[in-house]
Amino acid sequence: MLREGHSRRAVARQLQMTYRTVQRLADAASPEDLFQCQWQNRRTKLDNFKPYLHERWAEGGTNAWTLWKEIQSHGYAGGYGAVRAYLRPFRDSVPEGRPPSPRTVSGWILTHPDALAEEDRLKLKSVLAHCPELEALAGHVRSFGQMLTQRQGERLPEWIAAVRADDLPSMHTFINGLERDLAAVTAGLTLPWSSGIVEGHVNRIKMIKRQMYGRAGFKLLRKRMLLAS
């Protein structure tokens, strides 16, 4: 009708449409231009924080609750639901699926590298590549494991200094405990003797005592221990 020379108002009257509807249909260059709803392209409280969310997601921060708390500290006044809804398409587009849990990663780090399955080794390598702090932690854990299994207690001061050089608060707490009894820890990492056998006997005595609901005196407990031996 427009190509035939009719005006937009004449088209609106003849088709019984509003002038705004005719104008919107006539100005659309493609069908996609008509797919608009009431809230489309409307600014939200989240708009100013979307670049930050993109940056954190690229760094490996995929927890919506954590990211919401982070942008709250930067002034975001919106709710958690808006952040979760905005990040949902990002999560659906990740091909490798759900990331491993902290417990799983801890198990990989505490397992001897030679005992790790090839698939788990590759997954651990990927995790460490995305987190320098975790990579440093894994190095310190494995170094300590080497000292423990090969009885290299003389390396302990060097290991403690290396840990203190990294920003790892949990490891700093651990080495503070070691330093309170440094001589004993060094001896434990160096000498071939172990209190494991003694601790085993203590555990066996406690088990027998609990079988009698804690009511056994020393004489009865002694007799049961002798009979058990």
C-alpha atoms as a PDB file:
ATOM      1  CA  MET A   1       0.000   0.000   0.000  1.00  0.00           C
ATOM      2  CA  LEU A   2       2.847   2.353   0.707  1.00  0.00           C
ATOM      3  CA  ARG A   3       4.438   1.521  -2.646  1.00  0.00           C
ATOM      4  CA  GLU A   4       1.111   2.336  -4.288  1.00  0.00           C
ATOM      5  CA  GLY A   5       1.323   5.833  -2.844  1.00  0.00           C
ATOM      6  CA  HIS A   6      -0.943   5.578   0.193  1.00  0.00           C
ATOM      7  CA  SER A   7       0.147   7.563   3.247  1.00  0.00           C
ATOM      8  CA  ARG A   8       0.831   5.864   6.528  1.00  0.00           C
ATOM      9  CA  ARG A   9      -2.215   7.465   8.124  1.00  0.00           C
ATOM     10  CA  ALA A  10      -4.402   6.218   5.238  1.00  0.00           C
ATOM     11  CA  VAL A  11      -2.970   2.721   5.707  1.00  0.00           C
ATOM     12  CA  ALA A  12      -3.691   2.876   9.434  1.00  0.00           C
ATOM     13  CA  ARG A  13      -7.305   3.917   8.829  1.00  0.00           C
ATOM     14  CA  GLN A  14      -7.909   1.275   6.170  1.00  0.00           C
ATOM     15  CA  LEU A  15      -6.307  -1.590   8.132  1.00  0.00           C
ATOM     16  CA  GLN A  16      -7.741  -0.349  11.456  1.00  0.00           C
ATOM     17  CA  MET A  17      -4.299  -0.143  13.067  1.00  0.00           C
ATOM     18  CA  THR A  18      -2.717   2.554  15.141  1.00  0.00           C
ATOM     19  CA  TYR A  19      -0.394   4.952  13.373  1.00  0.00           C
ATOM     20  CA  ARG A  20       2.502   3.834  15.633  1.00  0.00           C
ATOM     21  CA  THR A  21       2.026   0.191  14.606  1.00  0.00           C
ATOM     22  CA  VAL A  22       2.041   1.056  10.917  1.00  0.00           C
ATOM     23  CA  GLN A  23       5.123   3.208  11.433  1.00  0.00           C
ATOM     24  CA  ARG A  24       6.977   0.418  13.257  1.00  0.00           C
ATOM     25  CA  LEU A  25       6.132  -2.140  10.554  1.00  0.00           C
ATOM     26  CA  ALA A  26       7.072   0.206   7.750  1.00  0.00           C
ATOM     27  CA  ASP A  27      10.424   1.205   9.306  1.00  0.00           C
ATOM     28  CA  ALA A  28      11.524  -2.399  10.033  1.00  0.00           C
ATOM     29  CA  ALA A  29      14.371  -3.390   7.725  1.00  0.00           C
ATOM     30  CA  SER A  30      14.097  -7.083   8.678  1.00  0.00           C
ATOM     31  CA  PRO A  31      11.704  -9.301  10.664  1.00  0.00           C
ATOM     32  CA  GLU A  32      14.181  -9.378  13.556  1.00  0.00           C
ATOM     33  CA  ASP A  33      13.649  -5.637  14.055  1.00  0.00           C
ATOM     34  CA  LEU A  34      10.067  -6.416  15.114  1.00  0.00           C
ATOM     35  CA  PHE A  35      11.116  -8.764  17.919  1.00  0.00           C
ATOM     36  CA  GLN A  36      10.951  -6.198  20.689  1.00  0.00           C
ATOM     37  CA  CYS A  37       9.314  -6.377  24.065  1.00  0.00           C
ATOM     38  CA  GLN A  38       8.583  -3.898  26.765  1.00  0.00           C
ATOM     39  CA  TRP A  39      11.894  -4.371  28.605  1.00  0.00           C
ATOM     40  CA  GLN A  40      14.237  -4.902  25.686  1.00  0.00           C
ATOM     41  CA  ASN A  41      17.278  -2.595  25.589  1.00  0.00           C
ATOM     42  CA  ARG A  42      16.243  -0.999  28.851  1.00  0.00           C
ATOM     43  CA  ARG A  43      19.136  -0.126  31.153  1.00  0.00           C
ATOM     44  CA  THR A  44      19.465  -2.089  34.372  1.00  0.00           C
ATOM     45  CA  LYS A  45      21.491  -1.793  37.560  1.00  0.00           C
ATOM     46  CA  LEU A  46      23.781  -4.531  36.270  1.00  0.00           C
ATOM     47  CA  ASP A  47      24.914  -2.751  33.079  1.00  0.00           C
ATOM     48  CA  ASN A  48      27.854  -0.914  34.664  1.00  0.00           C
ATOM     49  CA  PHE A  49      29.165  -4.151  36.172  1.00  0.00           C
ATOM     50  CA  LYS A  50      28.897  -6.405  33.105  1.00  0.00           C
ATOM     51  CA  PRO A  51      32.503  -5.726  31.944  1.00  0.00           C
ATOM     52  CA  TYR A  52      33.746  -6.754  35.396  1.00  0.00           C
ATOM     53  CA  LEU A  53      31.678  -9.963  35.279  1.00  0.00           C
ATOM     54  CA  HIS A  54      33.088 -10.784  31.823  1.00  0.00           C
ATOM     55  CA  GLU A  55      36.632 -10.223  33.081  1.00  0.00           C
ATOM     56  CA  ARG A  56      36.167 -12.353  36.197  1.00  0.00           C
ATOM     57  CA  TRP A  57      34.513 -15.130  34.186  1.00  0.00           C
ATOM     58  CA  ALA A  58      37.482 -15.196  31.811  1.00  0.00           C
ATOM     59  CA  GLU A  59      39.773 -15.526  34.852  1.00  0.00           C
ATOM     60  CA  GLY A  60      37.873 -18.624  35.990  1.00  0.00           C
ATOM     61  CA  GLY A  61      35.424 -17.060  38.474  1.00  0.00           C
ATOM     62  CA  THR A  62      32.248 -19.029  37.670  1.00  0.00           C
ATOM     63  CA  ASN A  63      30.440 -18.898  41.011  1.00  0.00           C
ATOM     64  CA  ALA A  64      27.487 -16.532  40.616  1.00  0.00           C
ATOM     65  CA  TRP A  65      27.101 -15.972  44.376  1.00  0.00           C
ATOM     66  CA  THR A  66      30.784 -15.044  44.747  1.00  0.00           C
ATOM     67  CA  LEU A  67      30.641 -12.676  41.777  1.00  0.00           C
ATOM     68  CA  TRP A  68      27.490 -11.072  43.175  1.00  0.00           C
ATOM     69  CA  LYS A  69      29.260 -10.425  46.482  1.00  0.00           C
ATOM     70  CA  GLU A  70      32.242  -8.975  44.625  1.00  0.00           C
ATOM     71  CA  ILE A  71      30.217  -6.464  42.616  1.00  0.00           C
ATOM     72  CA  GLN A  72      28.255  -5.583  45.755  1.00  0.00           C
ATOM     73  CA  SER A  73      31.523  -4.395  47.261  1.00  0.00           C
ATOM     74  CA  HIS A  74      31.941  -2.218  44.159  1.00  0.00           C
ATOM     75  CA  GLY A  75      28.545  -0.574  44.585  1.00  0.00           C
ATOM     76  CA  TYR A  76      26.059  -2.921  42.911  1.00  0.00           C
ATOM     77  CA  ALA A  77      22.651  -2.562  44.588  1.00  0.00           C
ATOM     78  CA  GLY A  78      20.735  -5.252  42.675  1.00  0.00           C
ATOM     79  CA  GLY A  79      19.798  -8.760  43.676  1.00  0.00           C
ATOM     80  CA  TYR A  80      21.525 -12.099  43.247  1.00  0.00           C
ATOM     81  CA  GLY A  81      18.894 -13.370  40.798  1.00  0.00           C
ATOM     82  CA  ALA A  82      19.816 -10.811  38.149  1.00  0.00           C
ATOM     83  CA  VAL A  83      23.494 -11.819  38.297  1.00  0.00           C
ATOM     84  CA  ARG A  84      22.661 -15.521  38.123  1.00  0.00           C
ATOM     85  CA  ALA A  85      20.317 -15.008  35.145  1.00  0.00           C
ATOM     86  CA  TYR A  86      22.925 -12.953  33.288  1.00  0.00           C
ATOM     87  CA  LEU A  87      25.635 -15.576  33.816  1.00  0.00           C
ATOM     88  CA  ARG A  88      23.470 -18.577  32.886  1.00  0.00           C
ATOM     89  CA  PRO A  89      24.183 -18.361  29.112  1.00  0.00           C
ATOM     90  CA  PHE A  90      27.891 -18.178  29.902  1.00  0.00           C
ATOM     91  CA  ARG A  91      27.657 -21.377  31.938  1.00  0.00           C
ATOM     92  CA  ASP A  92      25.696 -23.202  29.237  1.00  0.00           C
ATOM     93  CA  SER A  93      28.372 -22.343  26.676  1.00  0.00           C
ATOM     94  CA  VAL A  94      31.258 -23.897  28.661  1.00  0.00           C
ATOM     95  CA  PRO A  95      32.127 -27.149  26.840  1.00  0.00           C
ATOM     96  CA  GLU A  96      34.133 -28.815  29.583  1.00  0.00           C
ATOM     97  CA  GLY A  97      31.166 -29.001  31.956  1.00  0.00           C
ATOM     98  CA  ARG A  98      31.134 -28.576  35.698  1.00  0.00           C
ATOM     99  CA  PRO A  99      34.521 -27.745  37.265  1.00  0.00           C
ATOM    100  CA  PRO A 100      35.960 -30.227  39.793  1.00  0.00           C
ATOM    101  CA  SER A 101      35.096 -29.711  43.453  1.00  0.00           C
ATOM    102  CA  PRO A 102      37.690 -28.436  45.974  1.00  0.00           C
ATOM    103  CA  ARG A 103      37.764 -31.873  47.606  1.00  0.00           C
ATOM    104  CA  THR A 104      38.562 -33.525  44.271  1.00  0.00           C
ATOM    105  CA  VAL A 105      41.371 -31.062  43.524  1.00  0.00           C
ATOM    106  CA  SER A 106      42.758 -31.559  47.036  1.00  0.00           C
ATOM    107  CA  GLY A 107      42.818 -35.311  46.448  1.00  0.00           C
ATOM    108  CA  TRP A 108      44.730 -34.837  43.198  1.00  0.00           C
ATOM    109  CA  ILE A 109      47.309 -32.587  44.879  1.00  0.00           C
ATOM    110  CA  LEU A 110      47.820 -34.957  47.826  1.00  0.00           C
ATOM    111  CA  THR A 111      48.228 -37.993  45.559  1.00  0.00           C
ATOM    112  CA  HIS A 112      51.710 -38.885  44.346  1.00  0.00           C
ATOM    113  CA  PRO A 113      52.042 -37.734  40.716  1.00  0.00           C
ATOM    114  CA  ASP A 114      53.029 -41.254  39.609  1.00  0.00           C
ATOM    115  CA  ALA A 115      49.852 -42.669  41.170  1.00  0.00           C
ATOM    116  CA  LEU A 116      47.493 -40.260  39.370  1.00  0.00           C
ATOM    117  CA  ALA A 117      45.495 -41.533  36.431  1.00  0.00           C
ATOM    118  CA  GLU A 118      46.329 -39.831  33.130  1.00  0.00           C
ATOM    119  CA  GLU A 119      42.886 -38.202  32.922  1.00  0.00           C
ATOM    120  CA  ASP A 120      43.159 -36.812  36.466  1.00  0.00           C
ATOM    121  CA  ARG A 121      46.688 -35.590  35.794  1.00  0.00           C
ATOM    122  CA  LEU A 122      45.521 -33.607  32.772  1.00  0.00           C
ATOM    123  CA  LYS A 123      42.586 -32.146  34.712  1.00  0.00           C
ATOM    124  CA  LEU A 124      44.884 -31.113  37.559  1.00  0.00           C
ATOM    125  CA  LYS A 125      47.266 -29.512  35.078  1.00  0.00           C
ATOM    126  CA  SER A 126      44.377 -27.483  33.643  1.00  0.00           C
ATOM    127  CA  VAL A 127      43.234 -26.375  37.114  1.00  0.00           C
ATOM    128  CA  LEU A 128      46.742 -25.286  38.164  1.00  0.00           C
ATOM    129  CA  ALA A 129      47.202 -23.375  34.907  1.00  0.00           C
ATOM    130  CA  HIS A 130      44.196 -21.175  35.789  1.00  0.00           C
ATOM    131  CA  CYS A 131      45.241 -20.483  39.405  1.00  0.00           C
ATOM    132  CA  PRO A 132      48.848 -19.434  40.232  1.00  0.00           C
ATOM    133  CA  GLU A 133      48.186 -19.622  43.985  1.00  0.00           C
ATOM    134  CA  LEU A 134      46.963 -23.209  43.696  1.00  0.00           C
ATOM    135  CA  GLU A 135      49.966 -24.094  41.543  1.00  0.00           C
ATOM    136  CA  ALA A 136      52.310 -22.719  44.232  1.00  0.00           C
ATOM    137  CA  LEU A 137      50.404 -24.638  46.917  1.00  0.00           C
ATOM    138  CA  ALA A 138      50.692 -27.893  44.956  1.00  0.00           C
ATOM    139  CA  GLY A 139      54.451 -27.377  44.607  1.00  0.00           C
ATOM    140  CA  HIS A 140      54.895 -26.866  48.357  1.00  0.00           C
ATOM    141  CA  VAL A 141      52.735 -29.887  49.210  1.00  0.00           C
ATOM    142  CA  ARG A 142      54.713 -32.166  46.918  1.00  0.00           C
ATOM    143  CA  SER A 143      58.013 -30.813  48.201  1.00  0.00           C
ATOM    144  CA  PHE A 144      56.920 -31.524  51.777  1.00  0.00           C
ATOM    145  CA  GLY A 145      55.813 -35.018  50.751  1.00  0.00           C
ATOM    146  CA  GLN A 146      59.262 -35.654  49.321  1.00  0.00           C
ATOM    147  CA  MET A 147      60.893 -34.550  52.575  1.00  0.00           C
ATOM    148  CA  LEU A 148      58.543 -36.838  54.516  1.00  0.00           C
ATOM    149  CA  THR A 149      59.025 -39.978  52.432  1.00  0.00           C
ATOM    150  CA  GLN A 150      62.776 -39.562  51.827  1.00  0.00           C
ATOM    151  CA  ARG A 151      63.595 -38.339  55.371  1.00  0.00           C
ATOM    152  CA  GLN A 152      65.144 -35.025  54.290  1.00  0.00           C
ATOM    153  CA  GLY A 153      64.486 -33.043  57.452  1.00  0.00           C
ATOM    154  CA  GLU A 154      67.500 -30.812  56.853  1.00  0.00           C
ATOM    155  CA  ARG A 155      65.518 -29.151  54.026  1.00  0.00           C
ATOM    156  CA  LEU A 156      62.747 -27.987  56.393  1.00  0.00           C
ATOM    157  CA  PRO A 157      64.076 -24.412  57.041  1.00  0.00           C
ATOM    158  CA  GLU A 158      64.510 -23.894  53.291  1.00  0.00           C
ATOM    159  CA  TRP A 159      60.965 -25.177  52.665  1.00  0.00           C
ATOM    160  CA  ILE A 160      59.499 -22.882  55.352  1.00  0.00           C
ATOM    161  CA  ALA A 161      61.243 -19.857  53.809  1.00  0.00           C
ATOM    162  CA  ALA A 162      59.841 -20.740  50.365  1.00  0.00           C
ATOM    163  CA  VAL A 163      56.309 -21.021  51.769  1.00  0.00           C
ATOM    164  CA  ARG A 164      56.565 -17.668  53.533  1.00  0.00           C
ATOM    165  CA  ALA A 165      57.578 -16.036  50.242  1.00  0.00           C
ATOM    166  CA  ASP A 166      54.160 -16.890  48.728  1.00  0.00           C
ATOM    167  CA  ASP A 167      50.795 -15.370  49.631  1.00  0.00           C
ATOM    168  CA  LEU A 168      49.271 -18.542  51.095  1.00  0.00           C
ATOM    169  CA  PRO A 169      47.662 -17.724  54.480  1.00  0.00           C
ATOM    170  CA  SER A 170      46.568 -21.298  55.202  1.00  0.00           C
ATOM    171  CA  MET A 171      50.108 -22.595  54.654  1.00  0.00           C
ATOM    172  CA  HIS A 172      51.489 -19.821  56.850  1.00  0.00           C
ATOM    173  CA  THR A 173      49.243 -21.046  59.666  1.00  0.00           C
ATOM    174  CA  PHE A 174      50.583 -24.569  59.127  1.00  0.00           C
ATOM    175  CA  ILE A 175      54.255 -23.554  59.274  1.00  0.00           C
ATOM    176  CA  ASN A 176      53.591 -21.439  62.384  1.00  0.00           C
ATOM    177  CA  GLY A 177      52.577 -24.673  64.082  1.00  0.00           C
ATOM    178  CA  LEU A 178      55.686 -26.442  62.808  1.00  0.00           C
ATOM    179  CA  GLU A 179      57.963 -23.710  64.123  1.00  0.00           C
ATOM    180  CA  ARG A 180      56.526 -24.017  67.637  1.00  0.00           C
ATOM    181  CA  ASP A 181      58.186 -27.456  67.866  1.00  0.00           C
ATOM    182  CA  LEU A 182      60.733 -27.249  65.073  1.00  0.00           C
ATOM    183  CA  ALA A 183      63.261 -29.645  66.631  1.00  0.00           C
ATOM    184  CA  ALA A 184      60.686 -32.418  67.010  1.00  0.00           C
ATOM    185  CA  VAL A 185      59.370 -31.919  63.465  1.00  0.00           C
ATOM    186  CA  THR A 186      62.892 -31.983  62.042  1.00  0.00           C
ATOM    187  CA  ALA A 187      63.631 -35.184  63.952  1.00  0.00           C
ATOM    188  CA  GLY A 188      60.401 -36.737  62.676  1.00  0.00           C
ATOM    189  CA  LEU A 189      61.364 -35.915  59.090  1.00  0.00           C
ATOM    190  CA  THR A 190      64.930 -37.201  59.535  1.00  0.00           C
ATOM    191  CA  LEU A 191      65.142 -40.164  61.933  1.00  0.00           C
ATOM    192  CA  PRO A 192      63.964 -43.674  60.967  1.00  0.00           C
ATOM    193  CA  TRP A 193      62.053 -44.274  64.214  1.00  0.00           C
ATOM    194  CA  SER A 194      58.311 -43.878  64.424  1.00  0.00           C
ATOM    195  CA  SER A 195      55.739 -43.862  67.228  1.00  0.00           C
ATOM    196  CA  GLY A 196      53.225 -45.558  64.949  1.00  0.00           C
ATOM    197  CA  ILE A 197      53.484 -48.916  66.736  1.00  0.00           C
ATOM    198  CA  VAL A 198      52.928 -47.301  70.137  1.00  0.00           C
ATOM    199  CA  GLU A 199      49.945 -45.351  68.837  1.00  0.00           C
ATOM    200  CA  GLY A 200      48.544 -48.578  67.433  1.00  0.00           C
ATOM    201  CA  HIS A 201      48.711 -50.269  70.849  1.00  0.00           C
ATOM    202  CA  VAL A 202      47.097 -47.225  72.506  1.00  0.00           C
ATOM    203  CA  ASN A 203      44.260 -47.366  69.994  1.00  0.00           C
ATOM    204  CA  ARG A 204      43.775 -51.090  70.654  1.00  0.00           C
ATOM    205  CA  ILE A 205      43.600 -50.498  74.429  1.00  0.00           C
ATOM    206  CA  LYS A 206      41.002 -47.776  73.951  1.00  0.00           C
ATOM    207  CA  MET A 207      38.927 -50.070  71.749  1.00  0.00           C
ATOM    208  CA  ILE A 208      38.909 -52.842  74.369  1.00  0.00           C
ATOM    209  CA  LYS A 209      38.042 -50.334  77.092  1.00  0.00           C
ATOM    210  CA  ARG A 210      35.109 -48.994  75.076  1.00  0.00           C
ATOM    211  CA  GLN A 211      33.808 -52.541  74.632  1.00  0.00           C
ATOM    212  CA  MET A 212      33.237 -52.544  78.401  1.00  0.00           C
ATOM    213  CA  TYR A 213      31.511 -49.111  78.256  1.00  0.00           C
ATOM    214  CA  GLY A 214      34.349 -47.474  80.218  1.00  0.00           C
ATOM    215  CA  ARG A 215      33.510 -49.416  83.407  1.00  0.00           C
ATOM    216  CA  ALA A 216      36.568 -51.691  83.447  1.00  0.00           C
ATOM    217  CA  GLY A 217      39.164 -51.112  86.131  1.00  0.00           C
ATOM    218  CA  PHE A 218      42.889 -51.399  85.544  1.00  0.00           C
ATOM    219  CA  LYS A 219      43.095 -55.066  86.622  1.00  0.00           C
ATOM    220  CA  LEU A 220      40.314 -56.273  84.314  1.00  0.00           C
ATOM    221  CA  LEU A 221      41.643 -54.204  81.444  1.00  0.00           C
ATOM    222  CA  ARG A 222      45.144 -55.656  82.022  1.00  0.00           C
ATOM    223  CA  LYS A 223      43.784 -59.208  81.931  1.00  0.00           C
ATOM    224  CA  ARG A 224      41.896 -58.585  78.690  1.00  0.00           C
ATOM    225  CA  MET A 225      44.961 -57.056  77.101  1.00  0.00           C
ATOM    226  CA  LEU A 226      47.105 -60.043  78.088  1.00  0.00           C
ATOM    227  CA  LEU A 227      44.511 -62.479  76.752  1.00  0.00           C
ATOM    228  CA  ALA A 228      44.197 -60.494  73.526  1.00  0.00           C
ATOM    229  CA  SER A 229      47.962 -60.650  73.068  1.00  0.00           C
END
